[in-house]
Amino acid sequence: MRAKDLLGRGGEMLAADVLEDRGIRVIDRNWRCPRGEIDLVAIDSETLVIAEVKTRRSLRFGHPFEAITPAKLTRLRTLGVLWSRDHCIFPAALRIDAIAVLGCGDGEPVLEYLKGVG
């Protein structure tokens, strides 16, 4: 596995812990279909949560949240509907959350969590 992929997987593991610590149950990871990939799928009460995780070693290329564009949010919403249909789970609501992991691998990482970004 490439170093970039390892970094991303490590960030996703930390992000899953952030969700679980908030009582949000992670039910799927790295779901893929021809239209794209969802990092984490979770359930928060009756809401399906699609969590986008962005991991960076530093701010050299900008804050991780800067990579979550309006087009990315639209794609994530579509992917959430596709995931729901594929798994025959039809929640009351769908929410997109974002988790930034900064500095993963070089000491204690800093995590930021934004609920309902799109």
PDB file of N, CA and C in Angstrom:
ATOM      1  N   MET A   1       0.846  -1.180   0.000  1.00  0.00           N
ATOM      2  CA  MET A   1       0.000   0.000   0.000  1.00  0.00           C
ATOM      3  C   MET A   1       0.893   1.246   0.000  1.00  0.00           C
ATOM      4  N   ARG A   2       0.495   2.237  -0.783  1.00  0.00           N
ATOM      5  CA  ARG A   2       1.273   3.475  -0.863  1.00  0.00           C
ATOM      6  C   ARG A   2       1.192   4.265   0.447  1.00  0.00           C
ATOM      7  N   ALA A   3       2.213   5.090   0.680  1.00  0.00           N
ATOM      8  CA  ALA A   3       2.267   5.895   1.905  1.00  0.00           C
ATOM      9  C   ALA A   3       1.035   6.796   2.024  1.00  0.00           C
ATOM     10  N   LYS A   4       0.607   7.371   0.900  1.00  0.00           N
ATOM     11  CA  LYS A   4      -0.580   8.234   0.906  1.00  0.00           C
ATOM     12  C   LYS A   4      -1.816   7.444   1.336  1.00  0.00           C
ATOM     13  N   ASP A   5      -1.943   6.214   0.839  1.00  0.00           N
ATOM     14  CA  ASP A   5      -3.086   5.373   1.212  1.00  0.00           C
ATOM     15  C   ASP A   5      -3.042   4.999   2.684  1.00  0.00           C
ATOM     16  N   LEU A   6      -1.849   4.702   3.180  1.00  0.00           N
ATOM     17  CA  LEU A   6      -1.698   4.382   4.608  1.00  0.00           C
ATOM     18  C   LEU A   6      -2.079   5.570   5.481  1.00  0.00           C
ATOM     19  N   LEU A   7      -1.652   6.759   5.062  1.00  0.00           N
ATOM     20  CA  LEU A   7      -1.994   7.975   5.789  1.00  0.00           C
ATOM     21  C   LEU A   7      -3.509   8.146   5.826  1.00  0.00           C
ATOM     22  N   GLY A   8      -4.157   7.978   4.679  1.00  0.00           N
ATOM     23  CA  GLY A   8      -5.606   8.116   4.599  1.00  0.00           C
ATOM     24  C   GLY A   8      -6.333   7.099   5.460  1.00  0.00           C
ATOM     25  N   ARG A   9      -5.882   5.855   5.429  1.00  0.00           N
ATOM     26  CA  ARG A   9      -6.517   4.803   6.253  1.00  0.00           C
ATOM     27  C   ARG A   9      -6.377   5.118   7.740  1.00  0.00           C
ATOM     28  N   GLY A  10      -5.193   5.595   8.124  1.00  0.00           N
ATOM     29  CA  GLY A  10      -4.991   5.970   9.527  1.00  0.00           C
ATOM     30  C   GLY A  10      -5.920   7.094   9.935  1.00  0.00           C
ATOM     31  N   GLY A  11      -6.077   8.087   9.065  1.00  0.00           N
ATOM     32  CA  GLY A  11      -6.998   9.191   9.342  1.00  0.00           C
ATOM     33  C   GLY A  11      -8.432   8.722   9.457  1.00  0.00           C
ATOM     34  N   GLU A  12      -8.825   7.781   8.591  1.00  0.00           N
ATOM     35  CA  GLU A  12     -10.188   7.253   8.638  1.00  0.00           C
ATOM     36  C   GLU A  12     -10.441   6.483   9.924  1.00  0.00           C
ATOM     37  N   MET A  13      -9.440   5.779  10.404  1.00  0.00           N
ATOM     38  CA  MET A  13      -9.599   5.052  11.673  1.00  0.00           C
ATOM     39  C   MET A  13      -9.817   6.036  12.827  1.00  0.00           C
ATOM     40  N   LEU A  14      -9.026   7.114  12.841  1.00  0.00           N
ATOM     41  CA  LEU A  14      -9.188   8.136  13.881  1.00  0.00           C
ATOM     42  C   LEU A  14     -10.547   8.817  13.765  1.00  0.00           C
ATOM     43  N   ALA A  15     -10.965   9.093  12.533  1.00  0.00           N
ATOM     44  CA  ALA A  15     -12.251   9.748  12.299  1.00  0.00           C
ATOM     45  C   ALA A  15     -13.406   8.864  12.767  1.00  0.00           C
ATOM     46  N   ALA A  16     -13.307   7.558  12.525  1.00  0.00           N
ATOM     47  CA  ALA A  16     -14.346   6.634  12.991  1.00  0.00           C
ATOM     48  C   ALA A  16     -14.450   6.688  14.517  1.00  0.00           C
ATOM     49  N   ASP A  17     -13.318   6.778  15.178  1.00  0.00           N
ATOM     50  CA  ASP A  17     -13.315   6.888  16.643  1.00  0.00           C
ATOM     51  C   ASP A  17     -14.012   8.171  17.100  1.00  0.00           C
ATOM     52  N   VAL A  18     -13.793   9.281  16.363  1.00  0.00           N
ATOM     53  CA  VAL A  18     -14.445  10.550  16.699  1.00  0.00           C
ATOM     54  C   VAL A  18     -15.959  10.392  16.627  1.00  0.00           C
ATOM     55  N   LEU A  19     -16.429   9.753  15.567  1.00  0.00           N
ATOM     56  CA  LEU A  19     -17.875   9.544  15.431  1.00  0.00           C
ATOM     57  C   LEU A  19     -18.409   8.658  16.548  1.00  0.00           C
ATOM     58  N   GLU A  20     -17.735   7.534  16.786  1.00  0.00           N
ATOM     59  CA  GLU A  20     -18.177   6.601  17.827  1.00  0.00           C
ATOM     60  C   GLU A  20     -18.195   7.276  19.204  1.00  0.00           C
ATOM     61  N   ASP A  21     -17.205   8.126  19.478  1.00  0.00           N
ATOM     62  CA  ASP A  21     -17.156   8.844  20.755  1.00  0.00           C
ATOM     63  C   ASP A  21     -18.356   9.771  20.937  1.00  0.00           C
ATOM     64  N   ARG A  22     -18.960  10.192  19.823  1.00  0.00           N
ATOM     65  CA  ARG A  22     -20.135  11.067  19.862  1.00  0.00           C
ATOM     66  C   ARG A  22     -21.442  10.275  19.790  1.00  0.00           C
ATOM     67  N   GLY A  23     -21.334   8.955  19.876  1.00  0.00           N
ATOM     68  CA  GLY A  23     -22.523   8.119  19.847  1.00  0.00           C
ATOM     69  C   GLY A  23     -23.068   7.861  18.454  1.00  0.00           C
ATOM     70  N   ILE A  24     -22.265   8.130  17.448  1.00  0.00           N
ATOM     71  CA  ILE A  24     -22.652   7.902  16.055  1.00  0.00           C
ATOM     72  C   ILE A  24     -22.031   6.576  15.633  1.00  0.00           C
ATOM     73  N   ARG A  25     -22.871   5.624  15.260  1.00  0.00           N
ATOM     74  CA  ARG A  25     -22.411   4.254  14.988  1.00  0.00           C
ATOM     75  C   ARG A  25     -21.962   4.100  13.540  1.00  0.00           C
ATOM     76  N   VAL A  26     -20.681   3.785  13.336  1.00  0.00           N
ATOM     77  CA  VAL A  26     -20.132   3.552  11.999  1.00  0.00           C
ATOM     78  C   VAL A  26     -20.590   2.165  11.536  1.00  0.00           C
ATOM     79  N   ILE A  27     -21.200   2.125  10.334  1.00  0.00           N
ATOM     80  CA  ILE A  27     -21.728   0.855   9.832  1.00  0.00           C
ATOM     81  C   ILE A  27     -21.052   0.400   8.533  1.00  0.00           C
ATOM     82  N   ASP A  28     -20.272   1.260   7.899  1.00  0.00           N
ATOM     83  CA  ASP A  28     -19.568   0.866   6.676  1.00  0.00           C
ATOM     84  C   ASP A  28     -18.376   1.791   6.479  1.00  0.00           C
ATOM     85  N   ARG A  29     -17.354   1.246   5.820  1.00  0.00           N
ATOM     86  CA  ARG A  29     -16.134   2.017   5.541  1.00  0.00           C
ATOM     87  C   ARG A  29     -15.697   1.775   4.102  1.00  0.00           C
ATOM     88  N   ASN A  30     -15.242   2.821   3.466  1.00  0.00           N
ATOM     89  CA  ASN A  30     -14.676   2.750   2.120  1.00  0.00           C
ATOM     90  C   ASN A  30     -15.590   2.049   1.122  1.00  0.00           C
ATOM     91  N   TRP A  31     -16.874   2.402   1.146  1.00  0.00           N
ATOM     92  CA  TRP A  31     -17.828   1.834   0.196  1.00  0.00           C
ATOM     93  C   TRP A  31     -17.591   2.452  -1.173  1.00  0.00           C
ATOM     94  N   ARG A  32     -17.528   1.604  -2.183  1.00  0.00           N
ATOM     95  CA  ARG A  32     -17.265   2.067  -3.543  1.00  0.00           C
ATOM     96  C   ARG A  32     -18.349   1.598  -4.496  1.00  0.00           C
ATOM     97  N   CYS A  33     -18.566   2.430  -5.499  1.00  0.00           N
ATOM     98  CA  CYS A  33     -19.425   2.082  -6.616  1.00  0.00           C
ATOM     99  C   CYS A  33     -18.842   2.817  -7.827  1.00  0.00           C
ATOM    100  N   PRO A  34     -19.374   2.603  -9.016  1.00  0.00           N
ATOM    101  CA  PRO A  34     -18.815   3.293 -10.191  1.00  0.00           C
ATOM    102  C   PRO A  34     -18.833   4.823 -10.102  1.00  0.00           C
ATOM    103  N   ARG A  35     -19.704   5.380  -9.248  1.00  0.00           N
ATOM    104  CA  ARG A  35     -19.814   6.838  -9.145  1.00  0.00           C
ATOM    105  C   ARG A  35     -18.860   7.456  -8.134  1.00  0.00           C
ATOM    106  N   GLY A  36     -18.197   6.619  -7.301  1.00  0.00           N
ATOM    107  CA  GLY A  36     -17.269   7.172  -6.328  1.00  0.00           C
ATOM    108  C   GLY A  36     -17.153   6.330  -5.077  1.00  0.00           C
ATOM    109  N   GLU A  37     -16.616   6.955  -4.028  1.00  0.00           N
ATOM    110  CA  GLU A  37     -16.366   6.256  -2.758  1.00  0.00           C
ATOM    111  C   GLU A  37     -16.843   7.100  -1.588  1.00  0.00           C
ATOM    112  N   ILE A  38     -17.352   6.409  -0.579  1.00  0.00           N
ATOM    113  CA  ILE A  38     -17.708   7.036   0.694  1.00  0.00           C
ATOM    114  C   ILE A  38     -16.705   6.538   1.724  1.00  0.00           C
ATOM    115  N   ASP A  39     -16.078   7.477   2.461  1.00  0.00           N
ATOM    116  CA  ASP A  39     -15.100   7.090   3.479  1.00  0.00           C
ATOM    117  C   ASP A  39     -15.764   6.333   4.623  1.00  0.00           C
ATOM    118  N   LEU A  40     -16.752   6.968   5.258  1.00  0.00           N
ATOM    119  CA  LEU A  40     -17.439   6.347   6.393  1.00  0.00           C
ATOM    120  C   LEU A  40     -18.943   6.549   6.260  1.00  0.00           C
ATOM    121  N   VAL A  41     -19.687   5.496   6.550  1.00  0.00           N
ATOM    122  CA  VAL A  41     -21.143   5.568   6.613  1.00  0.00           C
ATOM    123  C   VAL A  41     -21.518   5.262   8.055  1.00  0.00           C
ATOM    124  N   ALA A  42     -22.393   6.090   8.615  1.00  0.00           N
ATOM    125  CA  ALA A  42     -22.756   5.923  10.023  1.00  0.00           C
ATOM    126  C   ALA A  42     -24.236   6.215  10.225  1.00  0.00           C
ATOM    127  N   ILE A  43     -24.710   5.845  11.401  1.00  0.00           N
ATOM    128  CA  ILE A  43     -26.090   6.120  11.789  1.00  0.00           C
ATOM    129  C   ILE A  43     -26.059   6.976  13.057  1.00  0.00           C
ATOM    130  N   ASP A  44     -26.772   8.095  13.002  1.00  0.00           N
ATOM    131  CA  ASP A  44     -26.930   8.980  14.153  1.00  0.00           C
ATOM    132  C   ASP A  44     -28.430   9.107  14.408  1.00  0.00           C
ATOM    133  N   SER A  45     -28.921   8.325  15.354  1.00  0.00           N
ATOM    134  CA  SER A  45     -30.356   8.231  15.626  1.00  0.00           C
ATOM    135  C   SER A  45     -31.033   7.690  14.368  1.00  0.00           C
ATOM    136  N   GLU A  46     -31.871   8.491  13.700  1.00  0.00           N
ATOM    137  CA  GLU A  46     -32.540   8.045  12.475  1.00  0.00           C
ATOM    138  C   GLU A  46     -31.951   8.696  11.231  1.00  0.00           C
ATOM    139  N   THR A  47     -30.755   9.236  11.353  1.00  0.00           N
ATOM    140  CA  THR A  47     -30.096   9.935  10.252  1.00  0.00           C
ATOM    141  C   THR A  47     -28.929   9.115   9.728  1.00  0.00           C
ATOM    142  N   LEU A  48     -28.884   8.962   8.401  1.00  0.00           N
ATOM    143  CA  LEU A  48     -27.737   8.340   7.755  1.00  0.00           C
ATOM    144  C   LEU A  48     -26.669   9.415   7.600  1.00  0.00           C
ATOM    145  N   VAL A  49     -25.472   9.137   8.089  1.00  0.00           N
ATOM    146  CA  VAL A  49     -24.371  10.098   8.042  1.00  0.00           C
ATOM    147  C   VAL A  49     -23.319   9.601   7.051  1.00  0.00           C
ATOM    148  N   ILE A  50     -23.022  10.444   6.075  1.00  0.00           N
ATOM    149  CA  ILE A  50     -21.940  10.188   5.136  1.00  0.00           C
ATOM    150  C   ILE A  50     -20.793  11.081   5.591  1.00  0.00           C
ATOM    151  N   ALA A  51     -19.716  10.460   6.039  1.00  0.00           N
ATOM    152  CA  ALA A  51     -18.592  11.233   6.584  1.00  0.00           C
ATOM    153  C   ALA A  51     -17.433  11.253   5.589  1.00  0.00           C
ATOM    154  N   GLU A  52     -17.026  12.433   5.219  1.00  0.00           N
ATOM    155  CA  GLU A  52     -15.866  12.626   4.351  1.00  0.00           C
ATOM    156  C   GLU A  52     -14.672  12.927   5.250  1.00  0.00           C
ATOM    157  N   VAL A  53     -13.619  12.156   5.095  1.00  0.00           N
ATOM    158  CA  VAL A  53     -12.422  12.311   5.913  1.00  0.00           C
ATOM    159  C   VAL A  53     -11.286  12.822   5.027  1.00  0.00           C
ATOM    160  N   LYS A  54     -10.672  13.900   5.453  1.00  0.00           N
ATOM    161  CA  LYS A  54      -9.515  14.451   4.742  1.00  0.00           C
ATOM    162  C   LYS A  54      -8.341  14.474   5.711  1.00  0.00           C
ATOM    163  N   THR A  55      -7.266  13.798   5.317  1.00  0.00           N
ATOM    164  CA  THR A  55      -6.085  13.683   6.176  1.00  0.00           C
ATOM    165  C   THR A  55      -4.903  14.347   5.492  1.00  0.00           C
ATOM    166  N   ARG A  56      -4.175  15.153   6.238  1.00  0.00           N
ATOM    167  CA  ARG A  56      -2.981  15.823   5.727  1.00  0.00           C
ATOM    168  C   ARG A  56      -1.888  15.751   6.791  1.00  0.00           C
ATOM    169  N   ARG A  57      -0.665  15.677   6.334  1.00  0.00           N
ATOM    170  CA  ARG A  57       0.476  15.711   7.262  1.00  0.00           C
ATOM    171  C   ARG A  57       0.733  17.128   7.778  1.00  0.00           C
ATOM    172  N   SER A  58       0.428  18.124   6.938  1.00  0.00           N
ATOM    173  CA  SER A  58       0.670  19.515   7.314  1.00  0.00           C
ATOM    174  C   SER A  58      -0.311  20.403   6.557  1.00  0.00           C
ATOM    175  N   LEU A  59      -0.207  21.698   6.793  1.00  0.00           N
ATOM    176  CA  LEU A  59      -1.042  22.676   6.083  1.00  0.00           C
ATOM    177  C   LEU A  59      -0.365  23.179   4.804  1.00  0.00           C
ATOM    178  N   ARG A  60       0.713  22.557   4.432  1.00  0.00           N
ATOM    179  CA  ARG A  60       1.490  22.995   3.258  1.00  0.00           C
ATOM    180  C   ARG A  60       0.620  23.157   2.010  1.00  0.00           C
ATOM    181  N   PHE A  61      -0.340  22.277   1.827  1.00  0.00           N
ATOM    182  CA  PHE A  61      -1.220  22.350   0.654  1.00  0.00           C
ATOM    183  C   PHE A  61      -2.621  22.818   1.032  1.00  0.00           C
ATOM    184  N   GLY A  62      -2.734  23.519   2.159  1.00  0.00           N
ATOM    185  CA  GLY A  62      -4.015  24.044   2.607  1.00  0.00           C
ATOM    186  C   GLY A  62      -4.659  23.157   3.658  1.00  0.00           C
ATOM    187  N   HIS A  63      -5.700  23.693   4.264  1.00  0.00           N
ATOM    188  CA  HIS A  63      -6.443  22.956   5.291  1.00  0.00           C
ATOM    189  C   HIS A  63      -7.195  21.808   4.629  1.00  0.00           C
ATOM    190  N   PRO A  64      -7.298  20.667   5.309  1.00  0.00           N
ATOM    191  CA  PRO A  64      -8.012  19.528   4.714  1.00  0.00           C
ATOM    192  C   PRO A  64      -9.437  19.855   4.261  1.00  0.00           C
ATOM    193  N   PHE A  65     -10.147  20.699   4.995  1.00  0.00           N
ATOM    194  CA  PHE A  65     -11.520  21.024   4.609  1.00  0.00           C
ATOM    195  C   PHE A  65     -11.597  21.766   3.273  1.00  0.00           C
ATOM    196  N   GLU A  66     -10.516  22.416   2.879  1.00  0.00           N
ATOM    197  CA  GLU A  66     -10.522  23.131   1.609  1.00  0.00           C
ATOM    198  C   GLU A  66     -10.708  22.196   0.417  1.00  0.00           C
ATOM    199  N   ALA A  67     -10.430  20.912   0.596  1.00  0.00           N
ATOM    200  CA  ALA A  67     -10.578  19.937  -0.487  1.00  0.00           C
ATOM    201  C   ALA A  67     -12.022  19.471  -0.651  1.00  0.00           C
ATOM    202  N   ILE A  68     -12.911  19.892   0.232  1.00  0.00           N
ATOM    203  CA  ILE A  68     -14.315  19.489   0.137  1.00  0.00           C
ATOM    204  C   ILE A  68     -15.072  20.611  -0.579  1.00  0.00           C
ATOM    205  N   THR A  69     -15.189  20.450  -1.869  1.00  0.00           N
ATOM    206  CA  THR A  69     -15.808  21.453  -2.734  1.00  0.00           C
ATOM    207  C   THR A  69     -17.316  21.249  -2.824  1.00  0.00           C
ATOM    208  N   PRO A  70     -18.036  22.234  -3.341  1.00  0.00           N
ATOM    209  CA  PRO A  70     -19.473  22.036  -3.578  1.00  0.00           C
ATOM    210  C   PRO A  70     -19.753  20.829  -4.487  1.00  0.00           C
ATOM    211  N   ALA A  71     -18.920  20.610  -5.486  1.00  0.00           N
ATOM    212  CA  ALA A  71     -19.097  19.449  -6.367  1.00  0.00           C
ATOM    213  C   ALA A  71     -18.915  18.146  -5.587  1.00  0.00           C
ATOM    214  N   LYS A  72     -17.946  18.130  -4.680  1.00  0.00           N
ATOM    215  CA  LYS A  72     -17.711  16.948  -3.849  1.00  0.00           C
ATOM    216  C   LYS A  72     -18.922  16.688  -2.955  1.00  0.00           C
ATOM    217  N   LEU A  73     -19.489  17.722  -2.384  1.00  0.00           N
ATOM    218  CA  LEU A  73     -20.668  17.570  -1.528  1.00  0.00           C
ATOM    219  C   LEU A  73     -21.856  17.018  -2.316  1.00  0.00           C
ATOM    220  N   THR A  74     -22.044  17.502  -3.523  1.00  0.00           N
ATOM    221  CA  THR A  74     -23.117  16.990  -4.382  1.00  0.00           C
ATOM    222  C   THR A  74     -22.904  15.512  -4.677  1.00  0.00           C
ATOM    223  N   ARG A  75     -21.666  15.140  -4.994  1.00  0.00           N
ATOM    224  CA  ARG A  75     -21.345  13.738  -5.270  1.00  0.00           C
ATOM    225  C   ARG A  75     -21.574  12.873  -4.022  1.00  0.00           C
ATOM    226  N   LEU A  76     -21.191  13.363  -2.849  1.00  0.00           N
ATOM    227  CA  LEU A  76     -21.390  12.609  -1.615  1.00  0.00           C
ATOM    228  C   LEU A  76     -22.874  12.393  -1.319  1.00  0.00           C
ATOM    229  N   ARG A  77     -23.695  13.393  -1.577  1.00  0.00           N
ATOM    230  CA  ARG A  77     -25.136  13.239  -1.367  1.00  0.00           C
ATOM    231  C   ARG A  77     -25.684  12.155  -2.301  1.00  0.00           C
ATOM    232  N   THR A  78     -25.264  12.182  -3.569  1.00  0.00           N
ATOM    233  CA  THR A  78     -25.684  11.156  -4.533  1.00  0.00           C
ATOM    234  C   THR A  78     -25.210   9.778  -4.080  1.00  0.00           C
ATOM    235  N   LEU A  79     -23.967   9.687  -3.642  1.00  0.00           N
ATOM    236  CA  LEU A  79     -23.430   8.415  -3.170  1.00  0.00           C
ATOM    237  C   LEU A  79     -24.191   7.910  -1.943  1.00  0.00           C
ATOM    238  N   GLY A  80     -24.599   8.817  -1.067  1.00  0.00           N
ATOM    239  CA  GLY A  80     -25.377   8.424   0.095  1.00  0.00           C
ATOM    240  C   GLY A  80     -26.700   7.784  -0.296  1.00  0.00           C
ATOM    241  N   VAL A  81     -27.365   8.355  -1.290  1.00  0.00           N
ATOM    242  CA  VAL A  81     -28.622   7.778  -1.782  1.00  0.00           C
ATOM    243  C   VAL A  81     -28.356   6.408  -2.408  1.00  0.00           C
ATOM    244  N   LEU A  82     -27.286   6.303  -3.195  1.00  0.00           N
ATOM    245  CA  LEU A  82     -26.948   5.019  -3.816  1.00  0.00           C
ATOM    246  C   LEU A  82     -26.613   3.963  -2.755  1.00  0.00           C
ATOM    247  N   TRP A  83     -25.861   4.362  -1.729  1.00  0.00           N
ATOM    248  CA  TRP A  83     -25.531   3.425  -0.644  1.00  0.00           C
ATOM    249  C   TRP A  83     -26.821   2.949   0.029  1.00  0.00           C
ATOM    250  N   SER A  84     -27.706   3.883   0.319  1.00  0.00           N
ATOM    251  CA  SER A  84     -28.966   3.564   0.981  1.00  0.00           C
ATOM    252  C   SER A  84     -29.776   2.556   0.161  1.00  0.00           C
ATOM    253  N   ARG A  85     -29.885   2.790  -1.126  1.00  0.00           N
ATOM    254  CA  ARG A  85     -30.623   1.864  -2.001  1.00  0.00           C
ATOM    255  C   ARG A  85     -29.934   0.503  -2.053  1.00  0.00           C
ATOM    256  N   ASP A  86     -28.611   0.511  -2.162  1.00  0.00           N
ATOM    257  CA  ASP A  86     -27.846  -0.731  -2.267  1.00  0.00           C
ATOM    258  C   ASP A  86     -27.998  -1.596  -1.018  1.00  0.00           C
ATOM    259  N   HIS A  87     -28.162  -0.963   0.139  1.00  0.00           N
ATOM    260  CA  HIS A  87     -28.241  -1.681   1.409  1.00  0.00           C
ATOM    261  C   HIS A  87     -29.671  -1.779   1.960  1.00  0.00           C
ATOM    262  N   CYS A  88     -30.643  -1.291   1.186  1.00  0.00           N
ATOM    263  CA  CYS A  88     -32.061  -1.317   1.597  1.00  0.00           C
ATOM    264  C   CYS A  88     -32.256  -0.705   2.986  1.00  0.00           C
ATOM    265  N   ILE A  89     -31.567   0.396   3.212  1.00  0.00           N
ATOM    266  CA  ILE A  89     -31.713   1.164   4.450  1.00  0.00           C
ATOM    267  C   ILE A  89     -32.220   2.540   4.042  1.00  0.00           C
ATOM    268  N   PHE A  90     -33.409   2.898   4.528  1.00  0.00           N
ATOM    269  CA  PHE A  90     -34.023   4.150   4.123  1.00  0.00           C
ATOM    270  C   PHE A  90     -34.270   5.020   5.353  1.00  0.00           C
ATOM    271  N   PRO A  91     -33.267   5.821   5.710  1.00  0.00           N
ATOM    272  CA  PRO A  91     -33.335   6.631   6.934  1.00  0.00           C
ATOM    273  C   PRO A  91     -34.285   7.815   6.774  1.00  0.00           C
ATOM    274  N   ALA A  92     -34.611   8.410   7.902  1.00  0.00           N
ATOM    275  CA  ALA A  92     -35.465   9.593   7.904  1.00  0.00           C
ATOM    276  C   ALA A  92     -34.753  10.789   7.266  1.00  0.00           C
ATOM    277  N   ALA A  93     -33.427  10.831   7.387  1.00  0.00           N
ATOM    278  CA  ALA A  93     -32.662  11.965   6.862  1.00  0.00           C
ATOM    279  C   ALA A  93     -31.267  11.496   6.456  1.00  0.00           C
ATOM    280  N   LEU A  94     -30.619  12.321   5.639  1.00  0.00           N
ATOM    281  CA  LEU A  94     -29.242  12.086   5.198  1.00  0.00           C
ATOM    282  C   LEU A  94     -28.433  13.334   5.525  1.00  0.00           C
ATOM    283  N   ARG A  95     -27.261  13.136   6.129  1.00  0.00           N
ATOM    284  CA  ARG A  95     -26.408  14.268   6.516  1.00  0.00           C
ATOM    285  C   ARG A  95     -24.982  13.997   6.053  1.00  0.00           C
ATOM    286  N   ILE A  96     -24.313  15.052   5.628  1.00  0.00           N
ATOM    287  CA  ILE A  96     -22.900  14.963   5.259  1.00  0.00           C
ATOM    288  C   ILE A  96     -22.088  15.639   6.354  1.00  0.00           C
ATOM    289  N   ASP A  97     -21.153  14.888   6.952  1.00  0.00           N
ATOM    290  CA  ASP A  97     -20.239  15.427   7.950  1.00  0.00           C
ATOM    291  C   ASP A  97     -18.824  15.402   7.375  1.00  0.00           C
ATOM    292  N   ALA A  98     -17.962  16.222   7.911  1.00  0.00           N
ATOM    293  CA  ALA A  98     -16.573  16.265   7.468  1.00  0.00           C
ATOM    294  C   ALA A  98     -15.651  16.177   8.683  1.00  0.00           C
ATOM    295  N   ILE A  99     -14.576  15.416   8.500  1.00  0.00           N
ATOM    296  CA  ILE A  99     -13.585  15.279   9.568  1.00  0.00           C
ATOM    297  C   ILE A  99     -12.211  15.532   8.966  1.00  0.00           C
ATOM    298  N   ALA A 100     -11.499  16.485   9.531  1.00  0.00           N
ATOM    299  CA  ALA A 100     -10.140  16.792   9.105  1.00  0.00           C
ATOM    300  C   ALA A 100      -9.176  16.189  10.118  1.00  0.00           C
ATOM    301  N   VAL A 101      -8.154  15.515   9.598  1.00  0.00           N
ATOM    302  CA  VAL A 101      -7.108  14.944  10.437  1.00  0.00           C
ATOM    303  C   VAL A 101      -5.807  15.578   9.962  1.00  0.00           C
ATOM    304  N   LEU A 102      -5.144  16.266  10.856  1.00  0.00           N
ATOM    305  CA  LEU A 102      -3.937  17.002  10.497  1.00  0.00           C
ATOM    306  C   LEU A 102      -2.764  16.516  11.334  1.00  0.00           C
ATOM    307  N   GLY A 103      -1.658  16.218  10.647  1.00  0.00           N
ATOM    308  CA  GLY A 103      -0.439  15.819  11.328  1.00  0.00           C
ATOM    309  C   GLY A 103      -0.366  14.349  11.648  1.00  0.00           C
ATOM    310  N   CYS A 104      -1.207  13.556  11.047  1.00  0.00           N
ATOM    311  CA  CYS A 104      -1.235  12.112  11.313  1.00  0.00           C
ATOM    312  C   CYS A 104       0.126  11.499  10.987  1.00  0.00           C
ATOM    313  N   GLY A 105       0.712  10.842  11.961  1.00  0.00           N
ATOM    314  CA  GLY A 105       2.007  10.204  11.757  1.00  0.00           C
ATOM    315  C   GLY A 105       3.164  10.951  12.398  1.00  0.00           C
ATOM    316  N   ASP A 106       3.005  12.236  12.669  1.00  0.00           N
ATOM    317  CA  ASP A 106       4.071  13.040  13.268  1.00  0.00           C
ATOM    318  C   ASP A 106       3.610  13.565  14.629  1.00  0.00           C
ATOM    319  N   GLY A 107       3.551  12.701  15.604  1.00  0.00           N
ATOM    320  CA  GLY A 107       3.084  13.109  16.924  1.00  0.00           C
ATOM    321  C   GLY A 107       1.579  12.974  17.020  1.00  0.00           C
ATOM    322  N   GLU A 108       1.003  13.702  17.930  1.00  0.00           N
ATOM    323  CA  GLU A 108      -0.438  13.635  18.180  1.00  0.00           C
ATOM    324  C   GLU A 108      -1.203  14.388  17.093  1.00  0.00           C
ATOM    325  N   PRO A 109      -2.088  13.708  16.337  1.00  0.00           N
ATOM    326  CA  PRO A 109      -2.837  14.396  15.282  1.00  0.00           C
ATOM    327  C   PRO A 109      -3.906  15.323  15.859  1.00  0.00           C
ATOM    328  N   VAL A 110      -4.247  16.334  15.092  1.00  0.00           N
ATOM    329  CA  VAL A 110      -5.317  17.264  15.448  1.00  0.00           C
ATOM    330  C   VAL A 110      -6.517  16.912  14.569  1.00  0.00           C
ATOM    331  N   LEU A 111      -7.656  16.692  15.211  1.00  0.00           N
ATOM    332  CA  LEU A 111      -8.871  16.359  14.487  1.00  0.00           C
ATOM    333  C   LEU A 111      -9.902  17.462  14.639  1.00  0.00           C
ATOM    334  N   GLU A 112     -10.572  17.781  13.542  1.00  0.00           N
ATOM    335  CA  GLU A 112     -11.672  18.740  13.557  1.00  0.00           C
ATOM    336  C   GLU A 112     -12.884  18.055  12.944  1.00  0.00           C
ATOM    337  N   TYR A 113     -14.033  18.252  13.561  1.00  0.00           N
ATOM    338  CA  TYR A 113     -15.259  17.600  13.111  1.00  0.00           C
ATOM    339  C   TYR A 113     -16.315  18.668  12.815  1.00  0.00           C
ATOM    340  N   LEU A 114     -16.862  18.612  11.615  1.00  0.00           N
ATOM    341  CA  LEU A 114     -17.948  19.508  11.232  1.00  0.00           C
ATOM    342  C   LEU A 114     -19.184  18.680  10.903  1.00  0.00           C
ATOM    343  N   LYS A 115     -20.249  18.961  11.595  1.00  0.00           N
ATOM    344  CA  LYS A 115     -21.491  18.216  11.422  1.00  0.00           C
ATOM    345  C   LYS A 115     -22.391  18.975  10.438  1.00  0.00           C
ATOM    346  N   GLY A 116     -22.925  18.253   9.460  1.00  0.00           N
ATOM    347  CA  GLY A 116     -23.875  18.849   8.528  1.00  0.00           C
ATOM    348  C   GLY A 116     -23.273  19.888   7.600  1.00  0.00           C
ATOM    349  N   VAL A 117     -22.246  19.506   6.849  1.00  0.00           N
ATOM    350  CA  VAL A 117     -21.551  20.462   5.979  1.00  0.00           C
ATOM    351  C   VAL A 117     -22.227  20.641   4.626  1.00  0.00           C
ATOM    352  N   GLY A 118     -23.111  19.752   4.273  1.00  0.00           N
ATOM    353  CA  GLY A 118     -23.709  19.877   2.945  1.00  0.00           C
ATOM    354  C   GLY A 118     -25.096  19.356   2.843  1.00  0.00           C
TER     355      GLY A 118
END
